[in-house]
PDB file of N, CA and C in Angstrom:
ATOM      1  N   UNK A   1       3.452 -13.443   7.571  1.00  0.00           N
ATOM      2  CA  UNK A   1       3.682 -12.311   6.701  1.00  0.00           C
ATOM      3  C   UNK A   1       3.343 -11.018   7.449  1.00  0.00           C
ATOM      4  N   UNK A   2       4.219 -10.038   7.365  1.00  0.00           N
ATOM      5  CA  UNK A   2       4.001  -8.780   8.074  1.00  0.00           C
ATOM      6  C   UNK A   2       3.106  -7.845   7.256  1.00  0.00           C
ATOM      7  N   UNK A   3       2.667  -6.794   7.891  1.00  0.00           N
ATOM      8  CA  UNK A   3       1.842  -5.801   7.207  1.00  0.00           C
ATOM      9  C   UNK A   3       2.595  -5.213   6.017  1.00  0.00           C
ATOM     10  N   UNK A   4       3.858  -4.909   6.207  1.00  0.00           N
ATOM     11  CA  UNK A   4       4.667  -4.337   5.132  1.00  0.00           C
ATOM     12  C   UNK A   4       4.808  -5.319   3.979  1.00  0.00           C
ATOM     13  N   UNK A   5       5.008  -6.590   4.289  1.00  0.00           N
ATOM     14  CA  UNK A   5       5.096  -7.609   3.247  1.00  0.00           C
ATOM     15  C   UNK A   5       3.805  -7.651   2.434  1.00  0.00           C
ATOM     16  N   UNK A   6       2.677  -7.568   3.122  1.00  0.00           N
ATOM     17  CA  UNK A   6       1.384  -7.603   2.441  1.00  0.00           C
ATOM     18  C   UNK A   6       1.206  -6.383   1.540  1.00  0.00           C
ATOM     19  N   UNK A   7       1.606  -5.215   2.022  1.00  0.00           N
ATOM     20  CA  UNK A   7       1.494  -4.000   1.219  1.00  0.00           C
ATOM     21  C   UNK A   7       2.366  -4.116  -0.031  1.00  0.00           C
ATOM     22  N   UNK A   8       3.598  -4.569   0.143  1.00  0.00           N
ATOM     23  CA  UNK A   8       4.498  -4.721  -0.996  1.00  0.00           C
ATOM     24  C   UNK A   8       3.949  -5.714  -2.009  1.00  0.00           C
ATOM     25  N   UNK A   9       3.341  -6.786  -1.532  1.00  0.00           N
ATOM     26  CA  UNK A   9       2.763  -7.788  -2.423  1.00  0.00           C
ATOM     27  C   UNK A   9       1.630  -7.175  -3.250  1.00  0.00           C
ATOM     28  N   UNK A  10       0.768  -6.418  -2.598  1.00  0.00           N
ATOM     29  CA  UNK A  10      -0.359  -5.787  -3.290  1.00  0.00           C
ATOM     30  C   UNK A  10       0.146  -4.758  -4.299  1.00  0.00           C
ATOM     31  N   UNK A  11       1.158  -3.986  -3.917  1.00  0.00           N
ATOM     32  CA  UNK A  11       1.710  -2.986  -4.839  1.00  0.00           C
ATOM     33  C   UNK A  11       2.328  -3.647  -6.064  1.00  0.00           C
ATOM     34  N   UNK A  12       3.015  -4.764  -5.869  1.00  0.00           N
ATOM     35  CA  UNK A  12       3.581  -5.491  -7.019  1.00  0.00           C
ATOM     36  C   UNK A  12       2.464  -6.005  -7.932  1.00  0.00           C
ATOM     37  N   UNK A  13       1.376  -6.480  -7.328  1.00  0.00           N
ATOM     38  CA  UNK A  13       0.241  -6.945  -8.132  1.00  0.00           C
ATOM     39  C   UNK A  13      -0.372  -5.801  -8.926  1.00  0.00           C
ATOM     40  N   UNK A  14      -0.531  -4.649  -8.298  1.00  0.00           N
ATOM     41  CA  UNK A  14      -1.103  -3.490  -8.986  1.00  0.00           C
ATOM     42  C   UNK A  14      -0.199  -3.047 -10.138  1.00  0.00           C
ATOM     43  N   UNK A  15       1.115  -3.061  -9.907  1.00  0.00           N
ATOM     44  CA  UNK A  15       2.060  -2.707 -10.971  1.00  0.00           C
ATOM     45  C   UNK A  15       1.961  -3.688 -12.126  1.00  0.00           C
ATOM     46  N   UNK A  16       1.842  -4.971 -11.815  1.00  0.00           N
ATOM     47  CA  UNK A  16       1.732  -5.997 -12.850  1.00  0.00           C
ATOM     48  C   UNK A  16       0.469  -5.811 -13.688  1.00  0.00           C
ATOM     49  N   UNK A  17      -0.569  -5.262 -13.068  1.00  0.00           N
ATOM     50  CA  UNK A  17      -1.812  -5.005 -13.786  1.00  0.00           C
ATOM     51  C   UNK A  17      -1.771  -3.700 -14.570  1.00  0.00           C
ATOM     52  N   UNK A  18      -0.658  -2.973 -14.426  1.00  0.00           N
ATOM     53  CA  UNK A  18      -0.493  -1.732 -15.168  1.00  0.00           C
ATOM     54  C   UNK A  18      -0.984  -0.492 -14.456  1.00  0.00           C
ATOM     55  N   UNK A  19      -1.315  -0.602 -13.187  1.00  0.00           N
ATOM     56  CA  UNK A  19      -1.772   0.569 -12.438  1.00  0.00           C
ATOM     57  C   UNK A  19      -0.596   1.503 -12.171  1.00  0.00           C
ATOM     58  N   UNK A  20      -0.874   2.812 -12.235  1.00  0.00           N
ATOM     59  CA  UNK A  20       0.130   3.819 -11.914  1.00  0.00           C
ATOM     60  C   UNK A  20       0.075   4.070 -10.412  1.00  0.00           C
ATOM     61  N   UNK A  21       1.153   3.753  -9.721  1.00  0.00           N
ATOM     62  CA  UNK A  21       1.182   3.873  -8.266  1.00  0.00           C
ATOM     63  C   UNK A  21       1.612   5.260  -7.804  1.00  0.00           C
ATOM     64  N   UNK A  22       1.803   6.179  -8.732  1.00  0.00           N
ATOM     65  CA  UNK A  22       2.260   7.526  -8.390  1.00  0.00           C
ATOM     66  C   UNK A  22       1.119   8.463  -7.997  1.00  0.00           C
ATOM     67  N   UNK A  23      -0.107   8.012  -8.116  1.00  0.00           N
ATOM     68  CA  UNK A  23      -1.240   8.866  -7.760  1.00  0.00           C
ATOM     69  C   UNK A  23      -1.335   9.018  -6.248  1.00  0.00           C
ATOM     70  N   UNK A  24      -1.553  10.251  -5.767  1.00  0.00           N
ATOM     71  CA  UNK A  24      -1.715  10.461  -4.311  1.00  0.00           C
ATOM     72  C   UNK A  24      -2.880   9.650  -3.741  1.00  0.00           C
ATOM     73  N   UNK A  25      -3.889   9.390  -4.537  1.00  0.00           N
ATOM     74  CA  UNK A  25      -5.036   8.632  -4.035  1.00  0.00           C
ATOM     75  C   UNK A  25      -4.649   7.201  -3.670  1.00  0.00           C
ATOM     76  N   UNK A  26      -3.659   6.642  -4.366  1.00  0.00           N
ATOM     77  CA  UNK A  26      -3.191   5.291  -4.032  1.00  0.00           C
ATOM     78  C   UNK A  26      -2.559   5.291  -2.648  1.00  0.00           C
ATOM     79  N   UNK A  27      -1.732   6.281  -2.385  1.00  0.00           N
ATOM     80  CA  UNK A  27      -1.088   6.391  -1.066  1.00  0.00           C
ATOM     81  C   UNK A  27      -2.124   6.597   0.031  1.00  0.00           C
ATOM     82  N   UNK A  28      -3.091   7.454  -0.224  1.00  0.00           N
ATOM     83  CA  UNK A  28      -4.140   7.738   0.756  1.00  0.00           C
ATOM     84  C   UNK A  28      -4.952   6.479   1.046  1.00  0.00           C
ATOM     85  N   UNK A  29      -5.269   5.732   0.002  1.00  0.00           N
ATOM     86  CA  UNK A  29      -6.052   4.509   0.173  1.00  0.00           C
ATOM     87  C   UNK A  29      -5.293   3.506   1.039  1.00  0.00           C
ATOM     88  N   UNK A  30      -4.003   3.350   0.782  1.00  0.00           N
ATOM     89  CA  UNK A  30      -3.195   2.412   1.563  1.00  0.00           C
ATOM     90  C   UNK A  30      -3.120   2.864   3.014  1.00  0.00           C
ATOM     91  N   UNK A  31      -2.811   4.147   3.222  1.00  0.00           N
ATOM     92  CA  UNK A  31      -2.684   4.662   4.584  1.00  0.00           C
ATOM     93  C   UNK A  31      -3.988   4.536   5.365  1.00  0.00           C
ATOM     94  N   UNK A  32      -5.108   4.715   4.699  1.00  0.00           N
ATOM     95  CA  UNK A  32      -6.390   4.647   5.402  1.00  0.00           C
ATOM     96  C   UNK A  32      -6.715   3.242   5.893  1.00  0.00           C
ATOM     97  N   UNK A  33      -6.034   2.248   5.318  1.00  0.00           N
ATOM     98  CA  UNK A  33      -6.287   0.868   5.721  1.00  0.00           C
ATOM     99  C   UNK A  33      -5.235   0.318   6.682  1.00  0.00           C
ATOM    100  N   UNK A  34      -4.251   1.146   7.029  1.00  0.00           N
ATOM    101  CA  UNK A  34      -3.212   0.710   7.954  1.00  0.00           C
ATOM    102  C   UNK A  34      -3.638   0.962   9.399  1.00  0.00           C
ATOM    103  N   UNK A  35      -3.218   0.098  10.304  1.00  0.00           N
ATOM    104  CA  UNK A  35      -3.504   0.341  11.714  1.00  0.00           C
ATOM    105  C   UNK A  35      -2.675   1.535  12.200  1.00  0.00           C
ATOM    106  N   UNK A  36      -3.188   2.288  13.170  1.00  0.00           N
ATOM    107  CA  UNK A  36      -2.462   3.459  13.682  1.00  0.00           C
ATOM    108  C   UNK A  36      -1.053   3.125  14.181  1.00  0.00           C
ATOM    109  N   UNK A  37      -0.863   1.954  14.710  1.00  0.00           N
ATOM    110  CA  UNK A  37       0.467   1.592  15.221  1.00  0.00           C
ATOM    111  C   UNK A  37       1.518   1.563  14.114  1.00  0.00           C
ATOM    112  N   UNK A  38       1.111   1.250  12.906  1.00  0.00           N
ATOM    113  CA  UNK A  38       2.038   1.236  11.771  1.00  0.00           C
ATOM    114  C   UNK A  38       2.320   2.662  11.308  1.00  0.00           C
ATOM    115  N   UNK A  39       1.296   3.489  11.281  1.00  0.00           N
ATOM    116  CA  UNK A  39       1.452   4.863  10.816  1.00  0.00           C
ATOM    117  C   UNK A  39       2.305   5.709  11.751  1.00  0.00           C
ATOM    118  N   UNK A  40       2.317   5.377  13.023  1.00  0.00           N
ATOM    119  CA  UNK A  40       3.066   6.169  13.996  1.00  0.00           C
ATOM    120  C   UNK A  40       4.550   5.839  14.021  1.00  0.00           C
ATOM    121  N   UNK A  41       4.972   4.850  13.292  1.00  0.00           N
ATOM    122  CA  UNK A  41       6.388   4.455  13.299  1.00  0.00           C
ATOM    123  C   UNK A  41       7.166   5.255  12.309  1.00  0.00           C
TER     124      UNK A  41
END
């Protein structure tokens, strides 16, 4: 499973739990946990 696959899986789980994924803090949290090689692409 790739990093992107894992992120998509987690986002689907959060949506299923009713979390609002539109908050900037959600994006920041995800980006802070990504390796630099992914962010530079």
